[in-house]
Amino acid sequence: MMTISGSGTYVNQRDTQNLKTGKNEFRGHIFGEGRWRLDENAEYGFELARSSDDTYLRRYDFTNRETLTSRLFYEWISGANHFYVDALSFQGLREFDDQSALPVVAPLIEHHYETPEALFGGRLSITSSLLGLYRRD
């Protein structure tokens, strides 16, 4: 399954006082999602959300979200056991957001294993995770 949507416009560029500069600029957005199943336990995919600037989506009444999140992932789930690998990036849409300070998360790995049978009157489980966080500033 995959869906992609977006929009674009070529409009008069405006300065910080919202006055037309006489130049034109492209503004737009793209949203998308894709999921593919490898087998009954595993799937991979993406979620995409990007905008040309912080006011475009509100101005054209697409959404009032303050942050857009894009993601690549792989998921494996079998009973109580699971393994996830994610990569995430963010786009801040508030006026004061500094894009270079927003993190890129790659990788985010989570793993949980539980023994299928009772062990010494209970179950043994192991949970682990790894997180890589990157910021330009």
N, C-alpha and C. Protein backbone atom coordinates (compact mmCIF):
# COMPACT_ATOMS: atom_id res chain seq x y z
N MET A 1 0.84 -1.16 0.00
CA MET A 1 0.00 0.00 0.00
C MET A 1 0.89 1.24 0.00
N MET A 2 0.56 2.19 -0.87
CA MET A 2 1.30 3.45 -0.87
C MET A 2 0.35 4.56 -1.31
N THR A 3 0.42 5.68 -0.61
CA THR A 3 -0.33 6.87 -1.00
C THR A 3 0.61 8.07 -0.95
N ILE A 4 0.48 8.93 -1.93
CA ILE A 4 1.26 10.16 -1.99
C ILE A 4 0.29 11.28 -2.34
N SER A 5 0.39 12.41 -1.65
CA SER A 5 -0.40 13.58 -2.01
C SER A 5 0.47 14.81 -1.83
N GLY A 6 0.09 15.85 -2.49
CA GLY A 6 0.88 17.07 -2.36
C GLY A 6 0.21 18.21 -3.10
N SER A 7 0.85 19.34 -3.04
CA SER A 7 0.35 20.52 -3.73
C SER A 7 1.52 21.45 -3.98
N GLY A 8 1.30 22.38 -4.88
CA GLY A 8 2.34 23.35 -5.15
C GLY A 8 1.75 24.59 -5.78
N THR A 9 2.44 25.67 -5.61
CA THR A 9 2.02 26.93 -6.21
C THR A 9 3.25 27.78 -6.47
N TYR A 10 3.15 28.64 -7.44
CA TYR A 10 4.23 29.55 -7.79
C TYR A 10 3.67 30.95 -7.53
N VAL A 11 4.11 31.60 -6.46
CA VAL A 11 3.49 32.85 -5.98
C VAL A 11 4.51 33.97 -5.86
N ASN A 12 3.98 35.17 -5.65
CA ASN A 12 4.83 36.33 -5.40
C ASN A 12 5.58 36.16 -4.10
N GLN A 13 6.88 36.31 -4.14
CA GLN A 13 7.70 36.23 -2.94
C GLN A 13 7.43 37.45 -2.06
N ARG A 14 7.46 37.25 -0.75
CA ARG A 14 7.22 38.36 0.19
C ARG A 14 8.40 38.49 1.13
N ASP A 15 8.64 39.71 1.60
CA ASP A 15 9.74 39.94 2.53
C ASP A 15 9.24 39.77 3.96
N THR A 16 10.07 40.10 4.94
CA THR A 16 9.72 39.89 6.35
C THR A 16 8.58 40.79 6.81
N GLN A 17 8.28 41.87 6.08
CA GLN A 17 7.14 42.75 6.40
C GLN A 17 5.90 42.35 5.58
N ASN A 18 5.95 41.19 4.90
CA ASN A 18 4.87 40.65 4.09
C ASN A 18 4.57 41.49 2.84
N LEU A 19 5.55 42.24 2.36
CA LEU A 19 5.41 43.03 1.15
C LEU A 19 5.97 42.23 -0.04
N LYS A 20 5.31 42.32 -1.20
CA LYS A 20 5.76 41.62 -2.40
C LYS A 20 7.13 42.16 -2.83
N THR A 21 8.04 41.24 -3.19
CA THR A 21 9.39 41.63 -3.60
C THR A 21 9.52 41.77 -5.12
N GLY A 22 8.54 41.31 -5.88
CA GLY A 22 8.62 41.33 -7.33
C GLY A 22 9.18 40.04 -7.91
N LYS A 23 9.66 39.15 -7.06
CA LYS A 23 10.16 37.84 -7.50
C LYS A 23 9.11 36.79 -7.21
N ASN A 24 9.18 35.68 -7.92
CA ASN A 24 8.27 34.56 -7.68
C ASN A 24 9.02 33.43 -6.98
N GLU A 25 8.26 32.61 -6.25
CA GLU A 25 8.85 31.47 -5.55
C GLU A 25 7.88 30.29 -5.58
N PHE A 26 8.44 29.08 -5.51
CA PHE A 26 7.63 27.87 -5.42
C PHE A 26 7.34 27.59 -3.96
N ARG A 27 6.11 27.24 -3.66
CA ARG A 27 5.72 26.80 -2.32
C ARG A 27 4.88 25.54 -2.49
N GLY A 28 5.02 24.61 -1.55
CA GLY A 28 4.24 23.39 -1.67
C GLY A 28 4.46 22.44 -0.52
N HIS A 29 3.87 21.28 -0.65
CA HIS A 29 4.04 20.23 0.37
C HIS A 29 3.90 18.87 -0.29
N ILE A 30 4.36 17.85 0.44
CA ILE A 30 4.17 16.46 0.04
C ILE A 30 3.93 15.63 1.31
N PHE A 31 2.91 14.80 1.26
CA PHE A 31 2.61 13.84 2.31
C PHE A 31 2.56 12.47 1.65
N GLY A 32 3.06 11.46 2.33
CA GLY A 32 3.01 10.13 1.77
C GLY A 32 3.13 9.07 2.84
N GLU A 33 2.70 7.88 2.47
CA GLU A 33 2.81 6.73 3.38
C GLU A 33 2.90 5.48 2.52
N GLY A 34 3.75 4.58 2.91
CA GLY A 34 3.87 3.30 2.23
C GLY A 34 4.15 2.20 3.22
N ARG A 35 3.52 1.05 3.02
CA ARG A 35 3.73 -0.13 3.88
C ARG A 35 3.73 -1.36 3.01
N TRP A 36 4.74 -2.20 3.22
CA TRP A 36 4.84 -3.44 2.48
C TRP A 36 5.10 -4.58 3.46
N ARG A 37 4.35 -5.65 3.31
CA ARG A 37 4.47 -6.81 4.19
C ARG A 37 5.43 -7.80 3.55
N LEU A 38 6.46 -8.19 4.31
CA LEU A 38 7.42 -9.19 3.85
C LEU A 38 6.89 -10.60 4.07
N ASP A 39 6.26 -10.81 5.22
CA ASP A 39 5.63 -12.07 5.56
C ASP A 39 4.62 -11.77 6.66
N GLU A 40 4.09 -12.81 7.31
CA GLU A 40 3.05 -12.58 8.32
C GLU A 40 3.56 -11.85 9.56
N ASN A 41 4.88 -11.78 9.75
CA ASN A 41 5.43 -11.13 10.94
C ASN A 41 6.16 -9.83 10.68
N ALA A 42 6.51 -9.54 9.43
CA ALA A 42 7.41 -8.41 9.18
C ALA A 42 6.85 -7.48 8.10
N GLU A 43 7.07 -6.18 8.32
CA GLU A 43 6.74 -5.20 7.30
C GLU A 43 7.73 -4.04 7.38
N TYR A 44 7.80 -3.30 6.30
CA TYR A 44 8.64 -2.11 6.26
C TYR A 44 7.88 -1.02 5.53
N GLY A 45 8.36 0.21 5.68
CA GLY A 45 7.65 1.28 5.01
C GLY A 45 8.21 2.65 5.33
N PHE A 46 7.39 3.64 5.00
CA PHE A 46 7.79 5.02 5.23
C PHE A 46 6.57 5.88 5.51
N GLU A 47 6.79 6.99 6.15
CA GLU A 47 5.82 8.07 6.31
C GLU A 47 6.57 9.34 5.96
N LEU A 48 6.00 10.15 5.09
CA LEU A 48 6.66 11.35 4.60
C LEU A 48 5.76 12.55 4.82
N ALA A 49 6.32 13.61 5.39
CA ALA A 49 5.58 14.87 5.58
C ALA A 49 6.60 16.00 5.49
N ARG A 50 6.49 16.80 4.44
CA ARG A 50 7.39 17.93 4.24
C ARG A 50 6.64 19.09 3.63
N SER A 51 7.08 20.29 3.96
CA SER A 51 6.50 21.52 3.44
C SER A 51 7.62 22.47 3.03
N SER A 52 7.36 23.30 2.07
CA SER A 52 8.38 24.24 1.60
C SER A 52 8.73 25.29 2.65
N ASP A 53 7.79 25.60 3.54
CA ASP A 53 8.03 26.62 4.55
C ASP A 53 7.05 26.46 5.70
N ASP A 54 7.23 27.26 6.74
CA ASP A 54 6.45 27.07 7.96
C ASP A 54 5.03 27.61 7.91
N THR A 55 4.64 28.39 6.90
CA THR A 55 3.28 28.93 6.85
C THR A 55 2.41 28.33 5.75
N TYR A 56 3.00 27.62 4.82
CA TYR A 56 2.27 27.13 3.66
C TYR A 56 1.05 26.28 4.04
N LEU A 57 1.22 25.30 4.90
CA LEU A 57 0.13 24.38 5.23
C LEU A 57 -1.04 25.07 5.92
N ARG A 58 -0.74 26.06 6.78
CA ARG A 58 -1.80 26.81 7.45
C ARG A 58 -2.49 27.79 6.48
N ARG A 59 -1.69 28.47 5.67
CA ARG A 59 -2.25 29.46 4.73
C ARG A 59 -3.26 28.83 3.79
N TYR A 60 -2.96 27.63 3.29
CA TYR A 60 -3.85 26.96 2.35
C TYR A 60 -4.75 25.92 3.03
N ASP A 61 -4.82 25.97 4.35
CA ASP A 61 -5.75 25.18 5.17
C ASP A 61 -5.61 23.67 4.99
N PHE A 62 -4.34 23.18 4.92
CA PHE A 62 -4.11 21.75 4.88
C PHE A 62 -4.06 21.15 6.28
N THR A 63 -3.36 21.81 7.19
CA THR A 63 -3.24 21.32 8.56
C THR A 63 -2.70 22.43 9.45
N ASN A 64 -2.94 22.30 10.75
CA ASN A 64 -2.40 23.24 11.74
C ASN A 64 -1.28 22.61 12.56
N ARG A 65 -0.74 21.49 12.10
CA ARG A 65 0.33 20.82 12.85
C ARG A 65 1.52 21.76 13.02
N GLU A 66 2.20 21.63 14.15
CA GLU A 66 3.37 22.45 14.45
C GLU A 66 4.67 21.75 14.07
N THR A 67 4.60 20.44 13.89
CA THR A 67 5.79 19.65 13.53
C THR A 67 5.38 18.58 12.52
N LEU A 68 6.20 18.41 11.50
CA LEU A 68 6.00 17.32 10.53
C LEU A 68 7.05 16.26 10.81
N THR A 69 6.64 15.00 10.77
CA THR A 69 7.54 13.89 11.05
C THR A 69 7.61 12.97 9.83
N SER A 70 8.82 12.64 9.41
CA SER A 70 9.03 11.66 8.35
C SER A 70 9.75 10.47 8.96
N ARG A 71 9.44 9.27 8.43
CA ARG A 71 9.93 8.06 9.08
C ARG A 71 10.17 6.96 8.06
N LEU A 72 11.26 6.23 8.23
CA LEU A 72 11.51 4.96 7.54
C LEU A 72 11.50 3.89 8.63
N PHE A 73 10.93 2.72 8.35
CA PHE A 73 10.87 1.73 9.42
C PHE A 73 10.86 0.30 8.90
N TYR A 74 11.24 -0.60 9.81
CA TYR A 74 11.11 -2.04 9.64
C TYR A 74 10.57 -2.56 10.96
N GLU A 75 9.53 -3.41 10.91
CA GLU A 75 8.92 -3.96 12.12
C GLU A 75 8.78 -5.47 11.96
N TRP A 76 9.15 -6.19 13.02
CA TRP A 76 8.95 -7.63 13.07
C TRP A 76 8.26 -7.93 14.40
N ILE A 77 7.12 -8.62 14.36
CA ILE A 77 6.37 -8.95 15.57
C ILE A 77 5.95 -10.41 15.48
N SER A 78 6.23 -11.14 16.55
CA SER A 78 5.82 -12.54 16.64
C SER A 78 5.44 -12.82 18.08
N GLY A 79 4.16 -12.92 18.35
CA GLY A 79 3.69 -13.12 19.71
C GLY A 79 4.10 -11.95 20.58
N ALA A 80 4.78 -12.24 21.69
CA ALA A 80 5.23 -11.19 22.60
C ALA A 80 6.59 -10.61 22.18
N ASN A 81 7.21 -11.17 21.17
CA ASN A 81 8.53 -10.72 20.73
C ASN A 81 8.40 -9.70 19.60
N HIS A 82 9.30 -8.72 19.61
CA HIS A 82 9.29 -7.75 18.52
C HIS A 82 10.68 -7.16 18.31
N PHE A 83 10.86 -6.62 17.11
CA PHE A 83 12.10 -5.95 16.73
C PHE A 83 11.72 -4.80 15.79
N TYR A 84 12.11 -3.59 16.16
CA TYR A 84 11.79 -2.40 15.36
C TYR A 84 13.08 -1.66 15.02
N VAL A 85 13.14 -1.15 13.80
CA VAL A 85 14.22 -0.26 13.39
C VAL A 85 13.55 0.95 12.74
N ASP A 86 13.87 2.13 13.24
CA ASP A 86 13.27 3.36 12.75
C ASP A 86 14.33 4.39 12.44
N ALA A 87 14.02 5.29 11.52
CA ALA A 87 14.78 6.51 11.29
C ALA A 87 13.74 7.63 11.17
N LEU A 88 13.93 8.70 11.92
CA LEU A 88 12.95 9.78 11.97
C LEU A 88 13.62 11.12 11.72
N SER A 89 12.91 12.00 11.02
CA SER A 89 13.35 13.38 10.90
C SER A 89 12.14 14.28 11.09
N PHE A 90 12.39 15.50 11.50
CA PHE A 90 11.33 16.42 11.88
C PHE A 90 11.50 17.75 11.15
N GLN A 91 10.37 18.39 10.87
CA GLN A 91 10.38 19.74 10.33
C GLN A 91 9.48 20.59 11.22
N GLY A 92 10.07 21.60 11.85
CA GLY A 92 9.31 22.50 12.71
C GLY A 92 8.60 23.55 11.89
N LEU A 93 7.34 23.80 12.23
CA LEU A 93 6.53 24.76 11.48
C LEU A 93 6.16 25.99 12.29
N ARG A 94 6.76 26.14 13.47
CA ARG A 94 6.52 27.34 14.26
C ARG A 94 7.53 28.40 13.85
N GLU A 95 7.16 29.65 13.99
CA GLU A 95 8.00 30.75 13.55
C GLU A 95 9.40 30.72 14.17
N PHE A 96 9.48 30.32 15.42
CA PHE A 96 10.76 30.34 16.14
C PHE A 96 11.54 29.03 16.04
N ASP A 97 11.04 28.04 15.32
CA ASP A 97 11.76 26.77 15.18
C ASP A 97 13.04 26.97 14.37
N ASP A 98 14.13 26.42 14.89
CA ASP A 98 15.41 26.42 14.20
C ASP A 98 15.62 25.02 13.65
N GLN A 99 15.47 24.86 12.34
CA GLN A 99 15.53 23.54 11.72
C GLN A 99 16.85 22.82 12.01
N SER A 100 17.95 23.57 12.10
CA SER A 100 19.24 22.93 12.35
C SER A 100 19.35 22.37 13.77
N ALA A 101 18.46 22.79 14.67
CA ALA A 101 18.49 22.28 16.04
C ALA A 101 17.55 21.09 16.23
N LEU A 102 16.70 20.81 15.24
CA LEU A 102 15.80 19.66 15.36
C LEU A 102 16.58 18.39 15.05
N PRO A 103 16.32 17.31 15.79
CA PRO A 103 17.14 16.11 15.63
C PRO A 103 16.73 15.24 14.45
N VAL A 104 17.68 14.46 14.00
CA VAL A 104 17.43 13.32 13.13
C VAL A 104 17.72 12.10 14.00
N VAL A 105 16.78 11.21 14.08
CA VAL A 105 16.94 10.01 14.90
C VAL A 105 17.24 8.85 13.95
N ALA A 106 18.45 8.34 14.03
CA ALA A 106 18.84 7.24 13.16
C ALA A 106 20.08 6.56 13.73
N PRO A 107 19.98 5.37 14.11
CA PRO A 107 18.78 4.55 14.13
C PRO A 107 18.10 4.61 15.49
N LEU A 108 16.87 4.18 15.52
CA LEU A 108 16.17 3.86 16.77
C LEU A 108 15.84 2.37 16.64
N ILE A 109 16.47 1.58 17.47
CA ILE A 109 16.28 0.13 17.42
C ILE A 109 15.73 -0.33 18.75
N GLU A 110 14.64 -1.08 18.70
CA GLU A 110 14.05 -1.65 19.91
C GLU A 110 13.84 -3.14 19.70
N HIS A 111 14.17 -3.92 20.74
CA HIS A 111 14.07 -5.37 20.66
C HIS A 111 13.50 -5.89 21.97
N HIS A 112 12.58 -6.83 21.87
CA HIS A 112 12.04 -7.49 23.07
C HIS A 112 11.92 -8.97 22.77
N TYR A 113 12.48 -9.78 23.67
CA TYR A 113 12.40 -11.23 23.54
C TYR A 113 11.88 -11.81 24.84
N GLU A 114 10.96 -12.75 24.72
CA GLU A 114 10.40 -13.42 25.89
C GLU A 114 10.44 -14.92 25.64
N THR A 115 10.90 -15.69 26.63
CA THR A 115 10.97 -17.14 26.45
C THR A 115 9.56 -17.70 26.26
N PRO A 116 9.41 -18.65 25.36
CA PRO A 116 8.07 -19.19 25.09
C PRO A 116 7.54 -20.09 26.21
N GLU A 117 8.44 -20.64 27.04
CA GLU A 117 8.01 -21.55 28.09
C GLU A 117 8.45 -21.01 29.45
N ALA A 118 7.75 -21.49 30.46
CA ALA A 118 8.09 -21.08 31.82
C ALA A 118 9.51 -21.51 32.15
N LEU A 119 10.23 -20.65 32.84
CA LEU A 119 11.60 -20.91 33.22
C LEU A 119 11.72 -20.64 34.71
N PHE A 120 12.00 -21.66 35.51
CA PHE A 120 12.08 -21.53 36.97
C PHE A 120 10.82 -20.90 37.55
N GLY A 121 9.67 -21.28 37.03
CA GLY A 121 8.40 -20.79 37.55
C GLY A 121 7.99 -19.44 36.98
N GLY A 122 8.68 -18.95 36.01
CA GLY A 122 8.31 -17.66 35.40
C GLY A 122 8.85 -17.60 33.98
N ARG A 123 8.81 -16.44 33.42
CA ARG A 123 9.33 -16.24 32.06
C ARG A 123 10.50 -15.29 32.11
N LEU A 124 11.44 -15.53 31.23
CA LEU A 124 12.58 -14.64 31.09
C LEU A 124 12.31 -13.72 29.92
N SER A 125 12.53 -12.43 30.13
CA SER A 125 12.37 -11.51 29.01
C SER A 125 13.58 -10.57 28.97
N ILE A 126 13.93 -10.19 27.76
CA ILE A 126 15.05 -9.27 27.55
C ILE A 126 14.54 -8.14 26.66
N THR A 127 14.75 -6.92 27.09
CA THR A 127 14.39 -5.75 26.29
C THR A 127 15.63 -4.90 26.13
N SER A 128 15.88 -4.48 24.89
CA SER A 128 17.04 -3.63 24.64
C SER A 128 16.67 -2.57 23.61
N SER A 129 17.43 -1.48 23.65
CA SER A 129 17.19 -0.42 22.66
C SER A 129 18.49 0.33 22.39
N LEU A 130 18.53 0.94 21.23
CA LEU A 130 19.68 1.73 20.81
C LEU A 130 19.12 2.96 20.11
N LEU A 131 19.68 4.11 20.41
CA LEU A 131 19.22 5.36 19.82
C LEU A 131 20.39 6.17 19.33
N GLY A 132 20.35 6.57 18.07
CA GLY A 132 21.33 7.49 17.51
C GLY A 132 20.63 8.81 17.25
N LEU A 133 21.20 9.89 17.76
CA LEU A 133 20.56 11.21 17.64
C LEU A 133 21.56 12.17 17.05
N TYR A 134 21.14 12.87 15.99
CA TYR A 134 22.04 13.78 15.29
C TYR A 134 21.36 15.14 15.13
N ARG A 135 22.12 16.20 15.41
CA ARG A 135 21.68 17.57 15.16
C ARG A 135 22.80 18.31 14.46
N ARG A 136 22.46 19.17 13.49
CA ARG A 136 23.50 19.95 12.82
C ARG A 136 24.10 20.97 13.79
N ASP A 137 23.32 21.55 14.66
CA ASP A 137 23.81 22.51 15.67
C ASP A 137 23.59 21.95 17.06
